[in-house]
Amino acid sequence: MADSHNHDHEPGHHHEHVDATVADHDDWARRRRKGIPTDDRLLVVACMDERIPVEDALDIELGDAQIFRNAGGKVTDDVIRSAALTTQFFDTEEIIVVNHTDCGMMSAPDDAVVDGLEAAAGGDLDDVDLDPALPDLSIGDATVADWVRMTDNIDEACAAQVRYLEEHPLVDATVHGYVYEVESGTLRHPGGRIAEEISTRVED
């Protein structure tokens, strides 16, 4: 009876296919130890907002990029730390910043945010570790509002963060920034507008 199975390899050589599969998986699992960068040599800095489909919006898949998400997609000290490490030691060559409209970071006046955080802490924030991983670091003379980094204009904020990453001496990468419009489900350049109406910062 004829063999009903289709083989892409010569009889007696199936081990070559298995070996290649094992090697590929080993590369995937041990890529940091082997010095293998992300597939696109890409770091994405984006907001933690659950409405932002970072992978779909940028047309990337698992393994293509390192993705750093925080409140507002802000370039904080830890973003600089991560960007410095990945561009200097993990062969990352490109950084994309993704901010978005209708951001929660524009949802309340600075004073209200400060009052809410102080209420949660039971008063003064001086004794609260703002970076428990590095307790010796503090926000110094900055205010809690500076630390939270609320945003008045998402387009200006996105452009400013791109400039900050481009100019930082520890970061060596090509940097681009985009604004994701939750109203239209579309990426755009800072300063452009696709949706008819976009949400703006709530003022007192």
Protein backbone atom coordinates (compact mmCIF):
# COMPACT_ATOMS: atom_id res chain seq x y z
CA MET A 1 0.00 0.00 0.00
CA ALA A 2 1.29 3.47 -0.90
CA ASP A 3 2.43 5.72 1.92
CA SER A 4 -0.33 8.27 2.53
CA HIS A 5 1.91 10.64 4.50
CA ASN A 6 3.68 13.59 2.89
CA HIS A 7 7.23 14.15 4.14
CA ASP A 8 9.38 17.22 3.58
CA HIS A 9 12.54 15.31 4.41
CA GLU A 10 14.35 12.26 3.16
CA PRO A 11 13.65 8.88 4.82
CA GLY A 12 16.01 8.32 7.71
CA HIS A 13 16.65 12.05 8.14
CA HIS A 14 13.72 13.12 10.34
CA HIS A 15 16.18 13.82 13.15
CA GLU A 16 17.44 16.82 11.18
CA HIS A 17 13.99 18.40 11.35
CA VAL A 18 13.74 17.62 15.07
CA ASP A 19 17.25 18.97 15.70
CA ALA A 20 16.39 22.23 13.94
CA THR A 21 13.19 22.59 15.98
CA VAL A 22 15.04 21.93 19.22
CA ALA A 23 17.75 24.43 18.27
CA ASP A 24 15.17 27.10 17.42
CA HIS A 25 13.42 26.60 20.75
CA ASP A 26 16.71 26.69 22.62
CA ASP A 27 17.57 29.99 20.92
CA TRP A 28 14.15 31.37 21.92
CA ALA A 29 14.36 30.22 25.54
CA ARG A 30 17.99 31.28 26.04
CA ARG A 31 18.09 34.32 23.78
CA ARG A 32 19.35 36.66 26.53
CA ARG A 33 22.17 34.30 27.50
CA LYS A 34 23.08 33.87 23.83
CA GLY A 35 22.93 37.60 23.12
CA ILE A 36 20.06 37.27 20.62
CA PRO A 37 18.11 40.58 20.37
CA THR A 38 14.41 40.98 19.78
CA ASP A 39 13.37 40.10 16.25
CA ASP A 40 12.94 43.76 15.31
CA ARG A 41 15.61 45.08 17.71
CA LEU A 42 12.80 47.21 19.12
CA LEU A 43 11.73 48.67 22.48
CA VAL A 44 8.19 50.04 22.80
CA VAL A 45 7.25 52.47 25.58
CA ALA A 46 3.47 52.64 25.91
CA CYS A 47 0.68 53.45 28.31
CA MET A 48 -0.65 50.64 30.50
CA ASP A 49 -4.21 51.52 29.39
CA GLU A 50 -6.03 48.30 28.47
CA ARG A 51 -7.59 49.90 25.39
CA ILE A 52 -4.25 50.26 23.61
CA PRO A 53 -3.58 47.17 21.45
CA VAL A 54 0.16 47.78 21.18
CA GLU A 55 1.00 44.65 19.18
CA ASP A 56 -1.87 45.10 16.73
CA ALA A 57 -1.33 48.84 16.34
CA LEU A 58 2.36 48.39 15.54
CA ASP A 59 1.87 45.13 13.60
CA ILE A 60 4.28 43.21 15.82
CA GLU A 61 4.19 39.75 17.39
CA LEU A 62 5.61 38.03 20.46
CA GLY A 63 9.39 38.19 20.21
CA ASP A 64 9.48 41.26 17.97
CA ALA A 65 9.92 43.82 20.74
CA GLN A 66 10.43 44.52 24.41
CA ILE A 67 7.38 46.39 25.66
CA PHE A 68 7.53 48.76 28.65
CA ARG A 69 4.11 49.95 29.82
CA ASN A 70 3.37 52.43 32.59
CA ALA A 71 0.75 55.03 33.50
CA GLY A 72 0.66 57.46 30.58
CA GLY A 73 3.46 55.80 28.64
CA LYS A 74 5.82 58.28 30.28
CA VAL A 75 9.60 58.37 29.93
CA THR A 76 10.44 58.00 33.62
CA ASP A 77 13.78 57.22 35.24
CA ASP A 78 13.05 53.50 34.98
CA VAL A 79 12.29 53.82 31.26
CA ILE A 80 15.71 55.47 30.85
CA ARG A 81 17.28 52.67 32.90
CA SER A 82 15.64 50.01 30.74
CA ALA A 83 16.32 51.82 27.48
CA ALA A 84 19.97 52.32 28.40
CA LEU A 85 20.43 48.64 29.22
CA THR A 86 18.69 47.29 26.14
CA THR A 87 20.33 49.69 23.66
CA GLN A 88 23.80 49.29 25.15
CA PHE A 89 23.78 45.55 25.88
CA PHE A 90 20.92 43.82 24.01
CA ASP A 91 21.42 45.30 20.51
CA THR A 92 18.13 47.23 20.51
CA GLU A 93 18.31 49.83 17.74
CA GLU A 94 14.85 51.45 17.75
CA ILE A 95 12.47 52.86 20.35
CA ILE A 96 8.81 53.69 19.69
CA VAL A 97 6.80 55.75 22.17
CA VAL A 98 3.02 55.22 22.05
CA ASN A 99 0.83 57.73 23.87
CA HIS A 100 -2.93 57.97 23.41
CA THR A 101 -5.97 60.22 23.57
CA ASP A 102 -8.51 60.03 26.41
CA CYS A 103 -5.65 59.12 28.72
CA GLY A 104 -6.34 58.71 32.42
CA MET A 105 -3.31 60.91 33.03
CA MET A 106 -5.46 63.79 31.71
CA SER A 107 -8.51 62.88 33.76
CA ALA A 108 -8.05 65.05 36.85
CA PRO A 109 -6.33 68.27 37.93
CA ASP A 110 -2.90 67.87 39.52
CA ASP A 111 -4.12 69.08 42.90
CA ALA A 112 -6.81 66.42 43.03
CA VAL A 113 -4.28 63.69 42.26
CA VAL A 114 -1.89 64.93 44.95
CA ASP A 115 -4.72 65.15 47.49
CA GLY A 116 -5.84 61.62 46.64
CA LEU A 117 -2.35 60.16 47.00
CA GLU A 118 -1.75 61.94 50.28
CA ALA A 119 -5.10 60.68 51.58
CA ALA A 120 -4.13 57.13 50.60
CA ALA A 121 -0.83 57.50 52.47
CA GLY A 122 -2.56 58.95 55.51
CA GLY A 123 -0.91 62.34 55.17
CA ASP A 124 2.61 63.33 54.15
CA LEU A 125 4.35 61.26 51.48
CA ASP A 126 7.88 61.92 52.77
CA ASP A 127 8.11 58.51 54.45
CA VAL A 128 6.72 56.53 51.50
CA ASP A 129 9.18 54.58 49.33
CA LEU A 130 8.41 55.73 45.81
CA ASP A 131 10.95 53.28 44.38
CA PRO A 132 11.11 50.26 46.71
CA ALA A 133 13.64 48.52 44.44
CA LEU A 134 16.06 51.41 44.95
CA PRO A 135 15.16 52.86 48.36
CA ASP A 136 18.10 55.26 48.35
CA LEU A 137 16.54 57.12 45.43
CA SER A 138 13.91 59.75 46.04
CA ILE A 139 12.15 62.45 44.07
CA GLY A 140 14.33 65.00 45.86
CA ASP A 141 12.93 68.50 45.55
CA ALA A 142 10.27 67.47 43.03
CA THR A 143 6.64 67.62 44.03
CA VAL A 144 4.28 64.64 44.02
CA ALA A 145 2.63 66.22 40.98
CA ASP A 146 6.00 66.13 39.20
CA TRP A 147 6.43 62.49 40.18
CA VAL A 148 2.97 61.51 38.91
CA ARG A 149 3.59 63.45 35.69
CA MET A 150 0.05 64.34 34.70
CA THR A 151 -0.30 65.54 31.11
CA ASP A 152 -2.08 68.56 29.70
CA ASN A 153 -1.38 67.95 26.00
CA ILE A 154 -0.72 64.40 24.80
CA ASP A 155 0.75 65.52 21.47
CA GLU A 156 3.27 67.83 23.11
CA ALA A 157 4.08 65.18 25.72
CA CYS A 158 4.73 62.52 23.06
CA ALA A 159 7.01 64.79 21.04
CA ALA A 160 8.89 65.90 24.16
CA GLN A 161 9.48 62.32 25.27
CA VAL A 162 10.86 61.39 21.87
CA ARG A 163 13.29 64.32 22.10
CA TYR A 164 14.30 63.34 25.62
CA LEU A 165 15.15 59.77 24.58
CA GLU A 166 16.96 60.97 21.45
CA GLU A 167 19.11 63.35 23.46
CA HIS A 168 19.83 61.14 26.45
CA PRO A 169 23.53 60.19 26.62
CA LEU A 170 22.82 56.64 27.84
CA VAL A 171 20.33 55.78 25.08
CA ASP A 172 21.62 54.86 21.63
CA ALA A 173 18.69 54.24 19.29
CA THR A 174 16.44 55.70 16.62
CA VAL A 175 13.35 57.07 18.40
CA HIS A 176 9.84 57.67 17.02
CA GLY A 177 6.59 58.62 18.71
CA TYR A 178 2.94 58.07 17.85
CA VAL A 179 -0.41 58.93 19.38
CA TYR A 180 -3.05 56.21 19.38
CA GLU A 181 -6.53 57.69 19.01
CA VAL A 182 -8.91 55.56 21.03
CA GLU A 183 -11.76 57.34 19.26
CA SER A 184 -10.69 56.16 15.80
CA GLY A 185 -8.52 53.15 16.69
CA THR A 186 -5.71 54.66 14.61
CA LEU A 187 -2.11 55.65 15.15
CA ARG A 188 -1.05 59.12 14.09
CA HIS A 189 1.94 61.42 14.38
CA PRO A 190 1.93 63.93 17.24
CA GLY A 191 0.12 67.06 16.13
CA GLY A 192 -2.11 65.34 13.60
CA ARG A 193 -5.74 64.48 14.26
CA ILE A 194 -7.89 61.79 12.68
CA ALA A 195 -10.95 61.56 14.92
CA GLU A 196 -13.61 64.29 14.68
CA GLU A 197 -13.47 64.85 18.42
CA ILE A 198 -10.78 63.90 20.89
CA SER A 199 -10.94 63.95 24.66
CA THR A 200 -9.00 66.70 26.41
CA ARG A 201 -7.77 67.30 29.93
CA VAL A 202 -10.45 67.94 32.52
CA GLU A 203 -9.83 71.32 34.11
CA ASP A 204 -11.17 72.76 37.36
